[in-house]
C-alpha atoms as a PDB file:
ATOM      1  CA  MET A   1     -69.392-118.850-130.728  1.00  0.00           C
ATOM      2  CA  THR A   2     -66.823-117.411-132.920  1.00  0.00           C
ATOM      3  CA  PRO A   3     -63.309-116.648-131.780  1.00  0.00           C
ATOM      4  CA  ASP A   4     -64.055-112.899-131.893  1.00  0.00           C
ATOM      5  CA  ASN A   5     -67.050-113.305-129.557  1.00  0.00           C
ATOM      6  CA  ASN A   6     -64.949-115.377-127.219  1.00  0.00           C
ATOM      7  CA  ASN A   7     -62.224-112.690-127.099  1.00  0.00           C
ATOM      8  CA  GLU A   8     -64.833-110.014-126.436  1.00  0.00           C
ATOM      9  CA  GLU A   9     -66.228-112.039-123.527  1.00  0.00           C
ATOM     10  CA  ILE A  10     -62.736-112.573-122.107  1.00  0.00           C
ATOM     11  CA  MET A  11     -61.895-108.885-122.496  1.00  0.00           C
ATOM     12  CA  GLU A  12     -65.230-107.889-120.953  1.00  0.00           C
ATOM     13  CA  GLY A  13     -64.560-110.253-118.029  1.00  0.00           C
ATOM     14  CA  ASP A  14     -61.088-108.751-117.601  1.00  0.00           C
ATOM     15  CA  PHE A  15     -62.579-105.239-117.620  1.00  0.00           C
ATOM     16  CA  ASP A  16     -65.136-106.246-115.003  1.00  0.00           C
ATOM     17  CA  ALA A  17     -62.374-107.734-112.848  1.00  0.00           C
ATOM     18  CA  LEU A  18     -60.246-104.598-113.334  1.00  0.00           C
ATOM     19  CA  ARG A  19     -63.210-102.341-112.500  1.00  0.00           C
ATOM     20  CA  GLY A  20     -63.837-104.365-109.338  1.00  0.00           C
ATOM     21  CA  ALA A  21     -60.150-104.183-108.390  1.00  0.00           C
ATOM     22  CA  LEU A  22     -60.137-100.424-109.115  1.00  0.00           C
ATOM     23  CA  GLU A  23     -63.203 -99.885-106.908  1.00  0.00           C
ATOM     24  CA  GLN A  24     -61.551-101.851-104.100  1.00  0.00           C
ATOM     25  CA  GLU A  25     -58.356 -99.787-104.414  1.00  0.00           C
ATOM     26  CA  LYS A  26     -60.380 -96.546-104.486  1.00  0.00           C
ATOM     27  CA  SER A  27     -62.186 -97.652-101.328  1.00  0.00           C
ATOM     28  CA  ARG A  28     -58.886 -98.545 -99.613  1.00  0.00           C
ATOM     29  CA  ALA A  29     -57.333 -95.243-100.704  1.00  0.00           C
ATOM     30  CA  GLU A  30     -60.341 -93.360 -99.336  1.00  0.00           C
ATOM     31  CA  ASP A  31     -60.105 -95.267 -96.026  1.00  0.00           C
ATOM     32  CA  ASN A  32     -56.375 -94.505 -95.829  1.00  0.00           C
ATOM     33  CA  LEU A  33     -57.040 -90.816 -96.552  1.00  0.00           C
ATOM     34  CA  ASN A  34     -59.717 -90.687 -93.833  1.00  0.00           C
ATOM     35  CA  ASN A  35     -57.349 -92.392 -91.374  1.00  0.00           C
ATOM     36  CA  LEU A  36     -54.636 -89.882 -92.253  1.00  0.00           C
ATOM     37  CA  LYS A  37     -57.028 -86.966 -91.713  1.00  0.00           C
ATOM     38  CA  ARG A  38     -58.054 -88.389 -88.325  1.00  0.00           C
ATOM     39  CA  ALA A  39     -54.419 -88.886 -87.349  1.00  0.00           C
ATOM     40  CA  GLN A  40     -53.617 -85.291 -88.337  1.00  0.00           C
ATOM     41  CA  ALA A  41     -56.566 -83.970 -86.327  1.00  0.00           C
ATOM     42  CA  ASP A  42     -55.545 -86.098 -83.336  1.00  0.00           C
ATOM     43  CA  PHE A  43     -51.989 -84.785 -83.582  1.00  0.00           C
ATOM     44  CA  ILE A  44     -53.155 -81.163 -83.779  1.00  0.00           C
ATOM     45  CA  ASN A  45     -55.398 -81.704 -80.735  1.00  0.00           C
ATOM     46  CA  TYR A  46     -52.542 -83.402 -78.865  1.00  0.00           C
ATOM     47  CA  LYS A  47     -50.199 -80.543 -79.706  1.00  0.00           C
ATOM     48  CA  ARG A  48     -52.711 -77.931 -78.473  1.00  0.00           C
ATOM     49  CA  ARG A  49     -53.352 -79.908 -75.299  1.00  0.00           C
ATOM     50  CA  ALA A  50     -49.614 -80.302 -74.645  1.00  0.00           C
ATOM     51  CA  GLU A  51     -49.025 -76.562 -75.145  1.00  0.00           C
ATOM     52  CA  THR A  52     -51.904 -75.737 -72.799  1.00  0.00           C
ATOM     53  CA  GLU A  53     -50.614 -78.143 -70.149  1.00  0.00           C
ATOM     54  CA  LYS A  54     -47.108 -76.713 -70.487  1.00  0.00           C
ATOM     55  CA  ALA A  55     -48.401 -73.148 -70.077  1.00  0.00           C
ATOM     56  CA  GLU A  56     -50.423 -74.200 -67.023  1.00  0.00           C
ATOM     57  CA  ALA A  57     -47.382 -75.904 -65.496  1.00  0.00           C
ATOM     58  CA  VAL A  58     -45.240 -72.810 -66.064  1.00  0.00           C
ATOM     59  CA  GLY A  59     -47.990 -70.632 -64.579  1.00  0.00           C
ATOM     60  CA  LEU A  60     -48.250 -72.887 -61.532  1.00  0.00           C
ATOM     61  CA  GLY A  61     -44.485 -72.766 -61.050  1.00  0.00           C
ATOM     62  CA  LYS A  62     -44.509 -68.984 -61.274  1.00  0.00           C
ATOM     63  CA  SER A  63     -47.463 -68.787 -58.876  1.00  0.00           C
ATOM     64  CA  LEU A  64     -45.555 -70.801 -56.276  1.00  0.00           C
ATOM     65  CA  ALA A  65     -42.485 -68.601 -56.706  1.00  0.00           C
ATOM     66  CA  PHE A  66     -44.550 -65.425 -56.362  1.00  0.00           C
ATOM     67  CA  LEU A  67     -46.283 -66.803 -53.261  1.00  0.00           C
ATOM     68  CA  SER A  68     -42.927 -67.349 -51.603  1.00  0.00           C
ATOM     69  CA  ILE A  69     -41.813 -63.787 -52.455  1.00  0.00           C
ATOM     70  CA  LEU A  70     -44.945 -61.955 -51.260  1.00  0.00           C
ATOM     71  CA  PRO A  71     -44.152 -62.224 -47.516  1.00  0.00           C
ATOM     72  CA  VAL A  72     -40.835 -60.473 -48.192  1.00  0.00           C
ATOM     73  CA  LEU A  73     -42.687 -57.664 -49.979  1.00  0.00           C
ATOM     74  CA  ASP A  74     -45.113 -57.461 -47.018  1.00  0.00           C
ATOM     75  CA  ASP A  75     -42.199 -57.129 -44.582  1.00  0.00           C
ATOM     76  CA  PHE A  76     -40.589 -54.495 -46.807  1.00  0.00           C
ATOM     77  CA  SER A  77     -43.798 -52.449 -46.853  1.00  0.00           C
ATOM     78  CA  ARG A  78     -44.264 -52.728 -43.074  1.00  0.00           C
ATOM     79  CA  ALA A  79     -40.666 -51.626 -42.512  1.00  0.00           C
ATOM     80  CA  LEU A  80     -41.139 -48.588 -44.747  1.00  0.00           C
ATOM     81  CA  ASP A  81     -44.419 -47.733 -43.004  1.00  0.00           C
ATOM     82  CA  ALA A  82     -42.644 -47.859 -39.617  1.00  0.00           C
ATOM     83  CA  VAL A  83     -39.900 -45.363 -40.533  1.00  0.00           C
ATOM     84  CA  PRO A  84     -40.079 -42.304 -38.250  1.00  0.00           C
ATOM     85  CA  GLU A  85     -41.013 -38.989 -39.882  1.00  0.00           C
ATOM     86  CA  HIS A  86     -37.665 -37.359 -39.039  1.00  0.00           C
ATOM     87  CA  ALA A  87     -35.916 -39.918 -41.298  1.00  0.00           C
ATOM     88  CA  ALA A  88     -38.165 -39.209 -44.302  1.00  0.00           C
ATOM     89  CA  GLY A  89     -35.505 -37.246 -46.197  1.00  0.00           C
ATOM     90  CA  GLU A  90     -32.673 -39.703 -45.620  1.00  0.00           C
ATOM     91  CA  PRO A  91     -31.007 -40.961 -48.831  1.00  0.00           C
ATOM     92  CA  TRP A  92     -30.979 -44.572 -47.646  1.00  0.00           C
ATOM     93  CA  LEU A  93     -34.741 -44.403 -47.156  1.00  0.00           C
ATOM     94  CA  GLN A  94     -35.259 -42.995 -50.645  1.00  0.00           C
ATOM     95  CA  GLY A  95     -33.184 -45.908 -51.961  1.00  0.00           C
ATOM     96  CA  MET A  96     -35.345 -48.402 -50.065  1.00  0.00           C
ATOM     97  CA  VAL A  97     -38.510 -46.798 -51.482  1.00  0.00           C
ATOM     98  CA  GLN A  98     -37.091 -47.100 -55.007  1.00  0.00           C
ATOM     99  CA  ILE A  99     -36.195 -50.757 -54.431  1.00  0.00           C
ATOM    100  CA  GLU A 100     -39.756 -51.503 -53.255  1.00  0.00           C
ATOM    101  CA  ARG A 101     -41.189 -49.658 -56.284  1.00  0.00           C
ATOM    102  CA  LYS A 102     -38.994 -51.675 -58.672  1.00  0.00           C
ATOM    103  CA  PHE A 103     -39.977 -54.878 -56.901  1.00  0.00           C
ATOM    104  CA  ARG A 104     -43.666 -54.080 -57.408  1.00  0.00           C
ATOM    105  CA  GLN A 105     -43.049 -53.079 -61.052  1.00  0.00           C
ATOM    106  CA  ILE A 106     -41.353 -56.417 -61.763  1.00  0.00           C
ATOM    107  CA  LEU A 107     -44.255 -58.330 -60.218  1.00  0.00           C
ATOM    108  CA  SER A 108     -46.742 -56.212 -62.165  1.00  0.00           C
ATOM    109  CA  ARG A 109     -44.889 -56.867 -65.417  1.00  0.00           C
ATOM    110  CA  GLU A 110     -45.176 -60.607 -64.683  1.00  0.00           C
ATOM    111  CA  GLY A 111     -48.942 -60.290 -64.127  1.00  0.00           C
ATOM    112  CA  VAL A 112     -49.047 -60.043 -60.314  1.00  0.00           C
ATOM    113  CA  GLU A 113     -51.331 -57.221 -59.161  1.00  0.00           C
ATOM    114  CA  ALA A 114     -52.378 -56.038 -55.699  1.00  0.00           C
ATOM    115  CA  MET A 115     -56.127 -56.193 -55.047  1.00  0.00           C
ATOM    116  CA  LYS A 116     -58.135 -53.092 -54.254  1.00  0.00           C
ATOM    117  CA  THR A 117     -59.698 -53.556 -50.842  1.00  0.00           C
ATOM    118  CA  VAL A 118     -60.519 -50.555 -48.634  1.00  0.00           C
ATOM    119  CA  GLY A 119     -63.940 -49.158 -49.516  1.00  0.00           C
ATOM    120  CA  GLU A 120     -64.782 -52.165 -51.719  1.00  0.00           C
ATOM    121  CA  ARG A 121     -67.515 -54.719 -51.063  1.00  0.00           C
ATOM    122  CA  PHE A 122     -66.345 -57.870 -49.326  1.00  0.00           C
ATOM    123  CA  ASP A 123     -66.037 -60.809 -51.731  1.00  0.00           C
ATOM    124  CA  PRO A 124     -65.239 -64.186 -50.135  1.00  0.00           C
ATOM    125  CA  GLY A 125     -63.599 -65.276 -53.400  1.00  0.00           C
ATOM    126  CA  LEU A 126     -61.058 -62.451 -53.099  1.00  0.00           C
ATOM    127  CA  HIS A 127     -60.943 -61.556 -49.425  1.00  0.00           C
ATOM    128  CA  GLU A 128     -60.524 -63.292 -46.098  1.00  0.00           C
ATOM    129  CA  ALA A 129     -62.433 -61.557 -43.285  1.00  0.00           C
ATOM    130  CA  VAL A 130     -60.207 -61.518 -40.220  1.00  0.00           C
ATOM    131  CA  LEU A 131     -61.955 -58.828 -38.168  1.00  0.00           C
ATOM    132  CA  ARG A 132     -65.408 -57.230 -38.059  1.00  0.00           C
ATOM    133  CA  CYS A 133     -66.543 -53.807 -36.926  1.00  0.00           C
ATOM    134  CA  ALA A 134     -69.684 -51.695 -36.850  1.00  0.00           C
ATOM    135  CA  GLY A 135     -70.744 -50.008 -40.052  1.00  0.00           C
ATOM    136  CA  GLU A 136     -72.456 -50.504 -43.384  1.00  0.00           C
ATOM    137  CA  GLU A 137     -72.822 -54.212 -44.099  1.00  0.00           C
ATOM    138  CA  GLY A 138     -70.064 -55.862 -46.135  1.00  0.00           C
ATOM    139  CA  ILE A 139     -67.707 -52.925 -46.747  1.00  0.00           C
ATOM    140  CA  ILE A 140     -63.975 -53.422 -46.246  1.00  0.00           C
ATOM    141  CA  VAL A 141     -62.702 -50.788 -43.835  1.00  0.00           C
ATOM    142  CA  GLU A 142     -59.099 -51.902 -43.385  1.00  0.00           C
ATOM    143  CA  GLU A 143     -56.584 -54.117 -45.148  1.00  0.00           C
ATOM    144  CA  LEU A 144     -54.513 -56.205 -42.762  1.00  0.00           C
ATOM    145  CA  GLN A 145     -52.541 -58.094 -45.397  1.00  0.00           C
ATOM    146  CA  ALA A 146     -52.487 -57.282 -49.104  1.00  0.00           C
ATOM    147  CA  GLY A 147     -54.080 -59.716 -51.506  1.00  0.00           C
ATOM    148  CA  TYR A 148     -52.733 -60.391 -54.988  1.00  0.00           C
ATOM    149  CA  THR A 149     -53.949 -61.786 -58.273  1.00  0.00           C
ATOM    150  CA  TYR A 150     -51.838 -63.458 -60.937  1.00  0.00           C
ATOM    151  CA  LYS A 151     -53.251 -63.182 -64.438  1.00  0.00           C
ATOM    152  CA  ASP A 152     -56.786 -62.566 -63.113  1.00  0.00           C
ATOM    153  CA  ARG A 153     -56.679 -65.469 -60.642  1.00  0.00           C
ATOM    154  CA  VAL A 154     -56.395 -65.101 -56.888  1.00  0.00           C
ATOM    155  CA  LEU A 155     -52.799 -65.708 -55.886  1.00  0.00           C
ATOM    156  CA  ARG A 156     -53.332 -64.793 -52.235  1.00  0.00           C
ATOM    157  CA  PRO A 157     -56.594 -63.502 -50.727  1.00  0.00           C
ATOM    158  CA  ALA A 158     -56.482 -60.174 -48.916  1.00  0.00           C
ATOM    159  CA  GLN A 159     -56.941 -60.332 -45.159  1.00  0.00           C
ATOM    160  CA  VAL A 160     -59.376 -57.571 -44.271  1.00  0.00           C
ATOM    161  CA  LYS A 161     -61.522 -55.950 -41.601  1.00  0.00           C
ATOM    162  CA  VAL A 162     -65.172 -55.853 -42.688  1.00  0.00           C
ATOM    163  CA  SER A 163     -68.014 -53.718 -41.396  1.00  0.00           C
ATOM    164  CA  CYS A 164     -71.233 -55.360 -40.208  1.00  0.00           C
ATOM    165  CA  GLU A 165     -74.569 -53.803 -39.269  1.00  0.00           C
ATOM    166  CA  ASP A 166     -75.229 -56.254 -36.431  1.00  0.00           C
ATOM    167  CA  ILE A 167     -72.199 -55.124 -34.400  1.00  0.00           C
ATOM    168  CA  GLU A 168     -72.609 -52.251 -31.946  1.00  0.00           C
ATOM    169  CA  GLU A 169     -69.811 -49.795 -31.342  1.00  0.00           C
END
């Protein structure tokens, strides 16, 4: 072997070692990049999940607040329904009617809506049958207590009187 051949072999060995080291570093860099991508995806999923849970918690809190307010609205409506006809033009009564209307508008703006009941088909997911009477099967004939939904979910089922064919008058 001549000195030139020896240098070429040493240089070739160094290149092979460098290539091997480069391949190892490329592999480690690729692993690190994949780990980073997974961590980013996990963080994005965590963030979405946390936002969803927060929204659900806020919705639950609002639902509980609305549930505690609904009996007051029921009492308000019953009081207005019980006002004698001779008092219909009284200014105080007109003020009470406006207050009830505003109350309902605020609830509606928040996503609370009264259910339609009378004349509708009875649905056990929306209604609670309290009384039965003779008539066409499964039709609601009277609402005893209003039912409400909050963002398309039942907040409080309506208490209703339902007609049944098997009842005689």
